[in-house]
Amino acid sequence: MNEFQKNAVKYIDENAGIFTGVSDAVWDYAELSLKEFKSAKLYCDTLREHGFEVEENLAGVKTAFSGKFGSGRPVIGILGEFDALSGLSQAAGETKRRELSHGAPGHGCGHNMLGAGALGAAFAVKDYLEKSGRPGTVVFYGCPGEEGGAGKAFMAREGLWRGLDCALTWHPSDVNEVYSGTNNTSIQILYNFHGIAAHAAGDPENGRSALDALELMNTGAQYLREHVKSDCRLHYAILDAGGVSPNVVQSEASVLYMIRSDKVRDTVKLVGRVDKLAEGASIMTETSFDRQFIDGTAEIVPNFALEDVLYDCFAEVGLPEYTEEELSFAGALRRTYEVSAAPGTGPALDPELAAQVSEMTHGLADSLCTFLLPKYHTAGFTPGSSDVGDVSWQTPTAQIRCVTFAFGAAGHSWQNVSCGRTSIGHKGLITAAKVLACAAIELMDNPAALARARDEFEKRTKGGYVCPIEPDAVPTAL
């Protein structure tokens, strides 16, 4: 670790209260995707107060923004998120399920910490640029709607990420690792069927059932499953079944489809086939329908060169130490669920690594992961989806994961919400800030490392980016 990186670590420690304060405030706000107005304002105000040039309403997304400092190249983007999840309201620091407000949102994926840790990294890189006098630009991106809205993908549709030399980010987790590999792509479409209401017994011949159309579409989807590639997935949720009266021909019905495969170009093609199911169902029932594009994400393009830089920085920064009180709290949470297999991206892809994790966590019994997973590189596939993939098609991109949750905790769980406003979460986001800042400084100081990342990016993306966002689609909050 060079002197500039040591100074960045010191800067983050000295200003930790700013970043943990932002995290806690966003945890309190717990705003859903594309509705994060309080959170976005807090970030924009904080960026302006500390000398960043702020631009709001990026790519037509009301809660998307950026904060820029510096001039010239390299230009390094640091990605932050801040949306919550529905129905996960939970008191902080509790080891039992206790809602703060029934049915309200909560930060079950830790995006309150994600944005705050990324902000800390951006602040430390700004401090480096000021003190070193070197050329370079750091841009903090406020990326809304990761959980439903795909803010980064809408920004990619406008080519926003192409101006960066690279992008770095992180995600709250139950393990410490440098993420490697690719993932599922996803496109969501809302289909609304419109029929004619009628009395189901006295006037059935004049009714045209939107619910019949919806059910026929879903039946068609079951038959379609046999004739798609093995990596393709069709999920749906009925949002409106037309009412509660069985003696009425239902005139309105809506279904939300999530269409997936491991390559975005295949997902886009599959959307066309699902559209035909809706069209066929409407013809059979003499109803009409409209479709509304909701969101879409591409697969992640891995970048081993950037992963190497992040790993070296992670190893040098080191991991936080935990108090007996923190270990006891995590242990109590740990007893509220079972862990049958080693969690984390790496173990899911590599059985040998999974075995190491199991051994290092004493048969998966530990309450917190207190080590950095061994380095691994893979182009292997995991089933989740993230709009970080759309960034990775336009600039070299890599990310880390830091412990903010009890070991083995399920994603999107109340246990994660409980952890997200505690000292365990704070230590994780501060660690992430340090690693990202040190990596950004290394890349600014080492043009050869950036060149290796760019060369790898060009080779991996030579087939070209297929944007999952349709040309006329607008960001939509469900």
Protein backbone atom coordinates (compact mmCIF):
# COMPACT_ATOMS: atom_id res chain seq x y z
CA MET A 1 0.00 0.00 0.00
CA ASN A 2 1.55 3.30 -1.07
CA GLU A 3 1.37 6.57 0.87
CA PHE A 4 -1.61 7.86 -1.13
CA GLN A 5 -3.56 4.70 -0.35
CA LYS A 6 -2.60 4.88 3.32
CA ASN A 7 -3.83 8.46 3.39
CA ALA A 8 -7.11 7.35 1.78
CA VAL A 9 -7.63 4.73 4.49
CA LYS A 10 -6.88 7.32 7.16
CA TYR A 11 -9.25 9.82 5.52
CA ILE A 12 -12.10 7.30 5.53
CA ASP A 13 -11.51 6.44 9.19
CA GLU A 14 -11.44 10.12 10.16
CA ASN A 15 -14.66 10.84 8.27
CA ALA A 16 -16.45 7.57 8.96
CA GLY A 17 -19.29 9.36 10.71
CA ILE A 18 -20.33 11.03 7.46
CA PHE A 19 -20.71 7.72 5.67
CA THR A 20 -22.32 5.74 8.48
CA GLY A 21 -24.65 8.69 9.04
CA VAL A 22 -25.76 8.61 5.42
CA SER A 23 -26.24 4.84 5.65
CA ASP A 24 -28.40 5.10 8.76
CA ALA A 25 -30.51 7.92 7.32
CA VAL A 26 -31.17 5.95 4.13
CA TRP A 27 -32.00 2.89 6.27
CA ASP A 28 -34.58 5.06 8.05
CA TYR A 29 -36.04 6.34 4.76
CA ALA A 30 -36.36 2.80 3.31
CA GLU A 31 -37.70 4.02 -0.05
CA LEU A 32 -38.73 1.67 -2.85
CA SER A 33 -37.19 1.56 -6.32
CA LEU A 34 -37.44 4.79 -8.33
CA LYS A 35 -39.15 6.46 -5.36
CA GLU A 36 -35.96 7.23 -3.43
CA PHE A 37 -36.49 11.00 -3.35
CA LYS A 38 -35.34 11.63 0.24
CA SER A 39 -32.32 9.39 -0.22
CA ALA A 40 -31.32 11.03 -3.50
CA LYS A 41 -31.65 14.51 -1.98
CA LEU A 42 -29.46 13.52 0.97
CA TYR A 43 -26.76 12.24 -1.38
CA CYS A 44 -26.91 15.28 -3.66
CA ASP A 45 -26.77 17.69 -0.71
CA THR A 46 -23.84 15.79 0.83
CA LEU A 47 -21.93 15.73 -2.46
CA ARG A 48 -22.42 19.46 -3.01
CA GLU A 49 -21.38 20.27 0.56
CA HIS A 50 -18.08 18.48 -0.06
CA GLY A 51 -17.17 20.06 -3.38
CA PHE A 52 -18.59 17.68 -5.98
CA GLU A 53 -20.27 18.92 -9.15
CA VAL A 54 -23.73 17.35 -9.03
CA GLU A 55 -25.95 16.48 -11.98
CA GLU A 56 -29.48 15.23 -11.34
CA ASN A 57 -32.18 13.46 -13.37
CA LEU A 58 -29.65 11.39 -15.30
CA ALA A 59 -31.03 9.58 -18.36
CA GLY A 60 -34.51 10.78 -17.47
CA VAL A 61 -34.54 8.85 -14.19
CA LYS A 62 -35.73 11.26 -11.51
CA THR A 63 -33.69 9.78 -8.67
CA ALA A 64 -30.51 9.13 -10.69
CA PHE A 65 -27.62 11.56 -10.20
CA SER A 66 -23.87 11.92 -10.28
CA GLY A 67 -21.26 13.80 -8.30
CA LYS A 68 -18.02 14.58 -10.17
CA PHE A 69 -14.66 15.88 -9.01
CA GLY A 70 -11.42 16.42 -10.89
CA SER A 71 -10.45 16.85 -14.51
CA GLY A 72 -8.86 14.81 -17.25
CA ARG A 73 -8.30 11.09 -17.45
CA PRO A 74 -8.55 8.51 -16.14
CA VAL A 75 -12.23 8.82 -15.30
CA ILE A 76 -13.29 6.28 -12.69
CA GLY A 77 -16.92 5.73 -11.78
CA ILE A 78 -17.98 4.45 -8.38
CA LEU A 79 -21.51 3.05 -8.29
CA GLY A 80 -23.92 3.50 -5.40
CA GLU A 81 -27.44 2.18 -4.79
CA PHE A 82 -30.04 3.13 -2.17
CA ASP A 83 -33.42 1.45 -2.81
CA ALA A 84 -35.23 -0.76 -0.32
CA LEU A 85 -37.55 -3.76 -0.58
CA SER A 86 -41.28 -3.98 0.08
CA GLY A 87 -42.65 -5.67 3.19
CA LEU A 88 -39.35 -5.89 5.08
CA SER A 89 -39.81 -3.31 7.82
CA GLN A 90 -37.76 -4.47 10.79
CA ALA A 91 -36.33 -2.94 13.95
CA ALA A 92 -32.55 -2.55 13.90
CA GLY A 93 -30.36 -4.62 16.18
CA GLU A 94 -33.13 -7.11 17.00
CA THR A 95 -32.76 -10.88 16.95
CA LYS A 96 -36.48 -11.50 16.46
CA ARG A 97 -38.85 -10.42 13.70
CA ARG A 98 -40.36 -7.08 14.75
CA GLU A 99 -41.81 -4.71 12.18
CA LEU A 100 -41.46 -0.99 12.72
CA SER A 101 -44.49 -0.41 10.50
CA HIS A 102 -46.63 -3.25 9.22
CA GLY A 103 -46.02 -3.98 5.55
CA ALA A 104 -43.57 -1.09 5.13
CA PRO A 105 -40.30 -1.37 3.18
CA GLY A 106 -36.93 -2.27 4.63
CA HIS A 107 -33.31 -2.55 3.47
CA GLY A 108 -33.11 -6.32 3.14
CA CYS A 109 -30.37 -6.09 0.50
CA GLY A 110 -28.30 -3.52 2.33
CA HIS A 111 -28.40 -0.80 -0.30
CA ASN A 112 -28.31 1.83 2.44
CA MET A 113 -24.77 0.62 3.14
CA LEU A 114 -23.92 0.05 -0.52
CA GLY A 115 -24.40 3.69 -1.46
CA ALA A 116 -22.72 5.01 1.68
CA GLY A 117 -19.64 2.82 1.25
CA ALA A 118 -19.33 3.87 -2.38
CA LEU A 119 -19.69 7.50 -1.30
CA GLY A 120 -16.84 7.05 1.17
CA ALA A 121 -14.61 5.74 -1.60
CA ALA A 122 -15.45 8.68 -3.86
CA PHE A 123 -14.69 11.17 -1.08
CA ALA A 124 -11.32 9.53 -0.42
CA VAL A 125 -10.38 9.60 -4.11
CA LYS A 126 -11.34 13.29 -4.25
CA ASP A 127 -9.01 13.88 -1.29
CA TYR A 128 -6.25 12.02 -3.15
CA LEU A 129 -6.74 14.14 -6.30
CA GLU A 130 -6.63 17.35 -4.28
CA LYS A 131 -3.49 16.43 -2.34
CA SER A 132 -1.57 14.82 -5.21
CA GLY A 133 -2.41 17.40 -7.86
CA ARG A 134 -2.55 14.60 -10.41
CA PRO A 135 -4.95 14.51 -13.36
CA GLY A 136 -8.00 12.30 -13.09
CA THR A 137 -11.70 12.38 -12.38
CA VAL A 138 -13.83 10.47 -9.91
CA VAL A 139 -17.58 10.23 -10.44
CA PHE A 140 -19.97 8.93 -7.82
CA TYR A 141 -23.14 7.61 -9.47
CA GLY A 142 -26.42 7.42 -7.60
CA CYS A 143 -28.08 4.44 -9.27
CA PRO A 144 -31.74 4.00 -8.30
CA GLY A 145 -34.09 1.10 -8.78
CA GLU A 146 -31.75 -1.90 -8.72
CA GLU A 147 -34.48 -3.99 -7.09
CA GLY A 148 -37.02 -3.10 -9.77
CA GLY A 149 -36.48 -0.34 -12.26
CA ALA A 150 -32.98 -1.06 -13.59
CA GLY A 151 -31.68 2.48 -13.26
CA LYS A 152 -28.22 1.57 -14.55
CA ALA A 153 -29.71 -0.07 -17.65
CA PHE A 154 -31.72 3.05 -18.50
CA MET A 155 -28.48 5.00 -18.07
CA ALA A 156 -26.73 2.48 -20.35
CA ARG A 157 -29.39 3.00 -23.03
CA GLU A 158 -28.13 6.60 -23.19
CA GLY A 159 -24.50 5.42 -23.41
CA LEU A 160 -23.68 7.06 -20.09
CA TRP A 161 -21.05 4.54 -19.00
CA ARG A 162 -18.99 4.65 -22.20
CA GLY A 163 -17.12 7.76 -21.06
CA LEU A 164 -15.54 5.96 -18.09
CA ASP A 165 -12.17 4.26 -18.03
CA CYS A 166 -13.64 1.78 -15.54
CA ALA A 167 -16.34 1.38 -12.91
CA LEU A 168 -16.03 -0.06 -9.40
CA THR A 169 -18.68 -1.05 -6.90
CA TRP A 170 -19.46 -3.40 -4.02
CA HIS A 171 -22.36 -5.17 -2.39
CA PRO A 172 -23.22 -5.94 1.23
CA SER A 173 -22.87 -9.64 1.94
CA ASP A 174 -22.23 -12.38 4.47
CA VAL A 175 -18.76 -13.07 2.99
CA ASN A 176 -15.71 -11.05 2.00
CA GLU A 177 -14.72 -11.64 -1.60
CA VAL A 178 -13.87 -10.16 -4.97
CA TYR A 179 -16.84 -11.10 -7.12
CA SER A 180 -16.11 -12.99 -10.32
CA GLY A 181 -18.42 -14.50 -12.89
CA THR A 182 -21.56 -13.65 -14.80
CA ASN A 183 -25.27 -13.93 -14.07
CA ASN A 184 -28.82 -14.07 -15.35
CA THR A 185 -30.39 -11.41 -17.51
CA SER A 186 -33.95 -10.31 -16.88
CA ILE A 187 -36.73 -8.36 -18.60
CA GLN A 188 -40.06 -7.51 -16.97
CA ILE A 189 -43.22 -6.80 -19.01
CA LEU A 190 -46.68 -5.97 -17.67
CA TYR A 191 -49.56 -7.28 -19.79
CA ASN A 192 -52.97 -5.66 -19.25
CA PHE A 193 -56.00 -7.38 -20.81
CA HIS A 194 -59.24 -5.51 -21.51
CA GLY A 195 -62.59 -7.24 -22.11
CA ILE A 196 -66.29 -6.51 -21.72
CA ALA A 197 -68.10 -6.94 -18.41
CA ALA A 198 -71.34 -8.89 -18.33
CA HIS A 199 -73.49 -10.96 -15.98
CA ALA A 200 -71.94 -14.41 -16.07
CA ALA A 201 -75.31 -16.20 -15.79
CA GLY A 202 -77.81 -13.83 -17.41
CA ASP A 203 -75.72 -12.35 -20.23
CA PRO A 204 -72.57 -14.46 -20.75
CA GLU A 205 -72.68 -14.26 -24.56
CA ASN A 206 -72.03 -10.53 -24.48
CA GLY A 207 -69.09 -10.74 -22.09
CA ARG A 208 -65.46 -10.93 -23.13
CA SER A 209 -63.28 -12.13 -20.27
CA ALA A 210 -59.94 -10.46 -19.66
CA LEU A 211 -59.30 -13.10 -17.00
CA ASP A 212 -59.79 -15.86 -19.58
CA ALA A 213 -57.20 -14.15 -21.75
CA LEU A 214 -54.75 -13.92 -18.87
CA GLU A 215 -55.21 -17.59 -17.99
CA LEU A 216 -54.81 -18.68 -21.60
CA MET A 217 -51.61 -16.65 -21.85
CA ASN A 218 -50.24 -18.32 -18.73
CA THR A 219 -51.23 -21.74 -20.06
CA GLY A 220 -49.35 -20.94 -23.25
CA ALA A 221 -46.33 -20.06 -21.15
CA GLN A 222 -46.36 -23.55 -19.63
CA TYR A 223 -46.24 -25.11 -23.09
CA LEU A 224 -43.56 -22.64 -24.21
CA ARG A 225 -41.23 -23.82 -21.43
CA GLU A 226 -40.65 -27.07 -23.35
CA HIS A 227 -39.39 -25.19 -26.38
CA VAL A 228 -36.83 -22.76 -24.96
CA LYS A 229 -33.15 -23.15 -24.12
CA SER A 230 -32.38 -24.79 -20.80
CA ASP A 231 -31.06 -21.53 -19.33
CA CYS A 232 -34.32 -19.66 -20.03
CA ARG A 233 -36.85 -18.94 -17.30
CA LEU A 234 -40.42 -17.61 -17.31
CA HIS A 235 -41.88 -16.24 -14.06
CA TYR A 236 -45.14 -14.40 -13.65
CA ALA A 237 -47.34 -12.81 -11.01
CA ILE A 238 -51.02 -12.00 -11.46
CA LEU A 239 -51.46 -8.40 -10.31
CA ASP A 240 -55.17 -8.07 -11.08
CA ALA A 241 -57.53 -11.03 -11.55
CA GLY A 242 -60.50 -8.79 -12.26
CA GLY A 243 -62.31 -8.72 -8.95
CA VAL A 244 -63.96 -11.00 -6.41
CA SER A 245 -67.33 -11.69 -8.04
CA PRO A 246 -67.52 -15.04 -9.86
CA ASN A 247 -70.88 -14.12 -11.42
CA VAL A 248 -69.29 -11.29 -13.41
CA VAL A 249 -67.34 -11.65 -16.62
CA GLN A 250 -64.09 -9.95 -15.64
CA SER A 251 -63.33 -7.02 -17.93
CA GLU A 252 -59.80 -6.26 -16.66
CA ALA A 253 -56.85 -8.46 -15.73
CA SER A 254 -53.10 -7.92 -15.49
CA VAL A 255 -50.05 -10.16 -15.26
CA LEU A 256 -46.40 -9.22 -14.76
CA TYR A 257 -43.86 -11.44 -16.52
CA MET A 258 -40.17 -11.77 -15.70
CA ILE A 259 -38.32 -13.34 -18.62
CA ARG A 260 -34.77 -14.59 -18.12
CA SER A 261 -31.82 -16.28 -19.77
CA ASP A 262 -28.07 -16.12 -19.29
CA LYS A 263 -27.55 -13.91 -22.37
CA VAL A 264 -29.43 -10.67 -22.87
CA ARG A 265 -29.73 -11.15 -26.63
CA ASP A 266 -31.59 -14.44 -25.96
CA THR A 267 -33.86 -12.78 -23.42
CA VAL A 268 -34.83 -10.07 -25.90
CA LYS A 269 -35.77 -12.77 -28.42
CA LEU A 270 -37.78 -14.66 -25.83
CA VAL A 271 -39.76 -11.51 -25.00
CA GLY A 272 -41.01 -11.54 -28.59
CA ARG A 273 -42.33 -15.08 -28.12
CA VAL A 274 -44.08 -14.15 -24.87
CA ASP A 275 -45.67 -11.17 -26.64
CA LYS A 276 -47.17 -13.64 -29.10
CA LEU A 277 -48.74 -15.57 -26.23
CA ALA A 278 -50.53 -12.40 -25.14
CA GLU A 279 -51.60 -11.67 -28.70
CA GLY A 280 -52.90 -15.19 -29.22
CA ALA A 281 -54.82 -15.16 -25.94
CA SER A 282 -56.47 -11.86 -26.84
CA ILE A 283 -57.51 -13.23 -30.26
CA MET A 284 -59.01 -16.37 -28.72
CA THR A 285 -61.05 -14.37 -26.22
CA GLU A 286 -61.89 -11.37 -28.44
CA THR A 287 -60.28 -9.07 -25.89
CA SER A 288 -57.57 -6.47 -26.33
CA PHE A 289 -54.35 -5.96 -24.43
CA ASP A 290 -51.55 -3.48 -23.93
CA ARG A 291 -48.04 -4.18 -22.75
CA GLN A 292 -45.88 -1.98 -20.57
CA PHE A 293 -42.12 -2.44 -20.45
CA ILE A 294 -40.97 -2.28 -16.83
CA ASP A 295 -37.24 -2.99 -16.74
CA GLY A 296 -34.43 -5.14 -18.05
CA THR A 297 -30.85 -6.07 -17.20
CA ALA A 298 -27.93 -7.63 -19.08
CA GLU A 299 -25.44 -10.22 -17.90
CA ILE A 300 -22.23 -9.14 -16.18
CA VAL A 301 -19.04 -9.12 -18.24
CA PRO A 302 -16.26 -10.19 -15.84
CA ASN A 303 -12.93 -8.40 -15.84
CA PHE A 304 -10.12 -10.42 -14.28
CA ALA A 305 -7.60 -7.57 -14.55
CA LEU A 306 -9.72 -5.31 -12.35
CA GLU A 307 -10.50 -8.20 -10.01
CA ASP A 308 -6.75 -8.65 -9.43
CA VAL A 309 -6.37 -5.00 -8.45
CA LEU A 310 -9.34 -5.20 -6.09
CA TYR A 311 -8.06 -8.40 -4.49
CA ASP A 312 -4.61 -6.99 -3.80
CA CYS A 313 -6.16 -3.89 -2.24
CA PHE A 314 -8.61 -5.98 -0.19
CA ALA A 315 -5.75 -8.08 1.18
CA GLU A 316 -3.79 -4.96 2.14
CA VAL A 317 -6.69 -3.07 3.70
CA GLY A 318 -7.62 -6.08 5.80
CA LEU A 319 -10.81 -6.90 7.63
CA PRO A 320 -12.53 -5.42 10.67
CA GLU A 321 -12.32 -6.97 14.09
CA TYR A 322 -15.53 -7.66 15.98
CA THR A 323 -16.39 -7.19 19.63
CA GLU A 324 -17.89 -9.91 21.80
CA GLU A 325 -21.16 -8.00 21.72
CA GLU A 326 -21.19 -7.97 17.90
CA LEU A 327 -20.36 -11.68 17.72
CA SER A 328 -23.08 -12.46 20.24
CA PHE A 329 -25.67 -10.47 18.28
CA ALA A 330 -24.69 -12.14 15.00
CA GLY A 331 -24.78 -15.52 16.73
CA ALA A 332 -28.32 -14.93 17.95
CA LEU A 333 -29.38 -13.98 14.42
CA ARG A 334 -27.53 -17.01 13.07
CA ARG A 335 -29.70 -19.29 15.22
CA THR A 336 -32.88 -18.06 13.48
CA TYR A 337 -32.06 -19.88 10.23
CA GLU A 338 -30.23 -22.92 8.88
CA VAL A 339 -27.20 -22.90 6.56
CA SER A 340 -26.97 -26.13 4.60
CA ALA A 341 -24.34 -25.07 2.05
CA ALA A 342 -21.49 -22.59 1.94
CA PRO A 343 -22.90 -19.19 0.90
CA GLY A 344 -21.24 -16.64 -1.33
CA THR A 345 -20.75 -16.40 -5.07
CA GLY A 346 -17.49 -18.31 -5.15
CA PRO A 347 -18.68 -21.45 -3.36
CA ALA A 348 -21.72 -21.62 -5.64
CA LEU A 349 -19.36 -21.91 -8.60
CA ASP A 350 -16.48 -23.94 -7.17
CA PRO A 351 -17.01 -27.01 -4.93
CA GLU A 352 -13.40 -26.87 -3.75
CA LEU A 353 -13.84 -23.28 -2.59
CA ALA A 354 -17.11 -24.25 -0.91
CA ALA A 355 -15.27 -26.89 1.07
CA GLN A 356 -12.68 -24.32 2.18
CA VAL A 357 -15.40 -21.95 3.35
CA SER A 358 -17.10 -24.74 5.31
CA GLU A 359 -13.82 -25.63 7.00
CA MET A 360 -12.91 -22.01 7.77
CA THR A 361 -16.35 -21.36 9.29
CA HIS A 362 -16.21 -24.49 11.46
CA GLY A 363 -18.74 -26.49 9.53
CA LEU A 364 -20.78 -23.39 8.64
CA ALA A 365 -21.41 -22.75 12.33
CA ASP A 366 -19.69 -19.36 12.72
CA SER A 367 -21.82 -16.28 13.25
CA LEU A 368 -19.69 -13.99 11.04
CA CYS A 369 -17.28 -14.58 8.18
CA THR A 370 -13.97 -13.17 9.40
CA PHE A 371 -11.73 -13.95 6.42
CA LEU A 372 -11.27 -12.97 2.80
CA LEU A 373 -12.24 -15.75 0.39
CA PRO A 374 -9.30 -17.02 -1.68
CA LYS A 375 -8.90 -15.36 -5.07
CA TYR A 376 -10.80 -17.02 -7.89
CA HIS A 377 -11.53 -16.07 -11.50
CA THR A 378 -14.47 -17.49 -13.37
CA ALA A 379 -16.80 -16.77 -16.24
CA GLY A 380 -19.28 -19.11 -14.57
CA PHE A 381 -22.94 -18.37 -14.11
CA THR A 382 -25.11 -17.56 -11.08
CA PRO A 383 -28.90 -17.24 -11.26
CA GLY A 384 -29.49 -13.73 -9.88
CA SER A 385 -29.82 -10.55 -11.93
CA SER A 386 -28.31 -7.07 -11.52
CA ASP A 387 -28.13 -3.95 -13.63
CA VAL A 388 -24.39 -3.78 -12.91
CA GLY A 389 -24.22 -6.01 -15.99
CA ASP A 390 -25.32 -3.16 -18.24
CA VAL A 391 -22.47 -1.02 -16.93
CA SER A 392 -20.00 -3.82 -17.61
CA TRP A 393 -20.93 -3.87 -21.33
CA GLN A 394 -19.89 -0.23 -21.70
CA THR A 395 -16.79 0.02 -19.50
CA PRO A 396 -14.52 -2.39 -17.58
CA THR A 397 -16.32 -3.15 -14.32
CA ALA A 398 -15.61 -5.12 -11.16
CA GLN A 399 -17.00 -5.39 -7.66
CA ILE A 400 -16.34 -6.73 -4.19
CA ARG A 401 -18.52 -8.02 -1.39
CA CYS A 402 -17.99 -7.17 2.28
CA VAL A 403 -19.50 -8.65 5.41
CA THR A 404 -22.42 -6.64 6.72
CA PHE A 405 -24.73 -9.54 7.62
CA ALA A 406 -24.57 -12.63 9.80
CA PHE A 407 -23.00 -15.61 8.07
CA GLY A 408 -25.37 -17.51 5.80
CA ALA A 409 -28.24 -15.04 6.12
CA ALA A 410 -30.69 -15.26 3.25
CA GLY A 411 -30.83 -12.42 0.77
CA HIS A 412 -33.72 -10.00 1.23
CA SER A 413 -34.37 -11.14 4.80
CA TRP A 414 -35.44 -9.38 7.98
CA GLN A 415 -32.18 -10.52 9.54
CA ASN A 416 -30.31 -8.41 6.99
CA VAL A 417 -32.50 -5.39 7.73
CA SER A 418 -31.74 -5.79 11.41
CA CYS A 419 -27.99 -5.93 10.76
CA GLY A 420 -27.98 -2.99 8.36
CA ARG A 421 -28.14 -0.29 11.03
CA THR A 422 -25.62 -1.76 13.46
CA SER A 423 -21.89 -1.50 14.01
CA ILE A 424 -21.44 -4.72 12.00
CA GLY A 425 -22.96 -3.01 8.96
CA HIS A 426 -20.95 0.15 9.62
CA LYS A 427 -17.67 -1.78 9.72
CA GLY A 428 -18.53 -3.49 6.46
CA LEU A 429 -19.31 -0.31 4.54
CA ILE A 430 -16.16 1.39 5.85
CA THR A 431 -14.08 -1.60 4.73
CA ALA A 432 -15.68 -1.45 1.29
CA ALA A 433 -14.97 2.27 1.04
CA LYS A 434 -11.29 1.67 1.80
CA VAL A 435 -10.88 -1.16 -0.72
CA LEU A 436 -12.63 0.73 -3.53
CA ALA A 437 -10.68 3.91 -2.83
CA CYS A 438 -7.34 2.10 -2.79
CA ALA A 439 -8.20 0.32 -6.03
CA ALA A 440 -9.23 3.56 -7.74
CA ILE A 441 -5.98 5.23 -6.65
CA GLU A 442 -3.95 2.24 -7.90
CA LEU A 443 -5.68 2.45 -11.27
CA MET A 444 -5.09 6.20 -11.50
CA ASP A 445 -1.41 5.72 -10.68
CA ASN A 446 -0.90 2.66 -12.87
CA PRO A 447 -1.90 3.19 -16.52
CA ALA A 448 -0.73 -0.33 -17.39
CA ALA A 449 -3.33 -1.87 -15.06
CA LEU A 450 -6.08 0.18 -16.68
CA ALA A 451 -4.80 -0.79 -20.13
CA ARG A 452 -4.96 -4.50 -19.21
CA ALA A 453 -8.53 -4.04 -18.01
CA ARG A 454 -9.47 -2.23 -21.23
CA ASP A 455 -7.87 -4.90 -23.44
CA GLU A 456 -9.77 -7.65 -21.65
CA PHE A 457 -12.99 -5.64 -21.87
CA GLU A 458 -12.64 -5.16 -25.62
CA LYS A 459 -12.12 -8.89 -26.16
CA ARG A 460 -15.06 -9.93 -23.99
CA THR A 461 -17.50 -7.41 -25.49
CA LYS A 462 -16.58 -7.74 -29.16
CA GLY A 463 -20.03 -9.20 -29.90
CA GLY A 464 -21.60 -5.88 -28.96
CA TYR A 465 -24.04 -4.76 -26.29
CA VAL A 466 -27.73 -5.55 -26.68
CA CYS A 467 -29.58 -3.12 -24.44
CA PRO A 468 -32.54 -4.75 -22.69
CA ILE A 469 -34.35 -1.41 -22.35
CA GLU A 470 -36.76 -0.81 -25.22
CA PRO A 471 -36.33 2.48 -27.12
CA ASP A 472 -39.60 4.06 -26.00
CA ALA A 473 -39.62 2.67 -22.45
CA VAL A 474 -39.69 5.07 -19.50
CA PRO A 475 -38.60 4.29 -15.93
CA THR A 476 -41.57 2.77 -14.12
CA ALA A 477 -42.04 2.32 -10.40
CA LEU A 478 -44.32 -0.60 -9.59
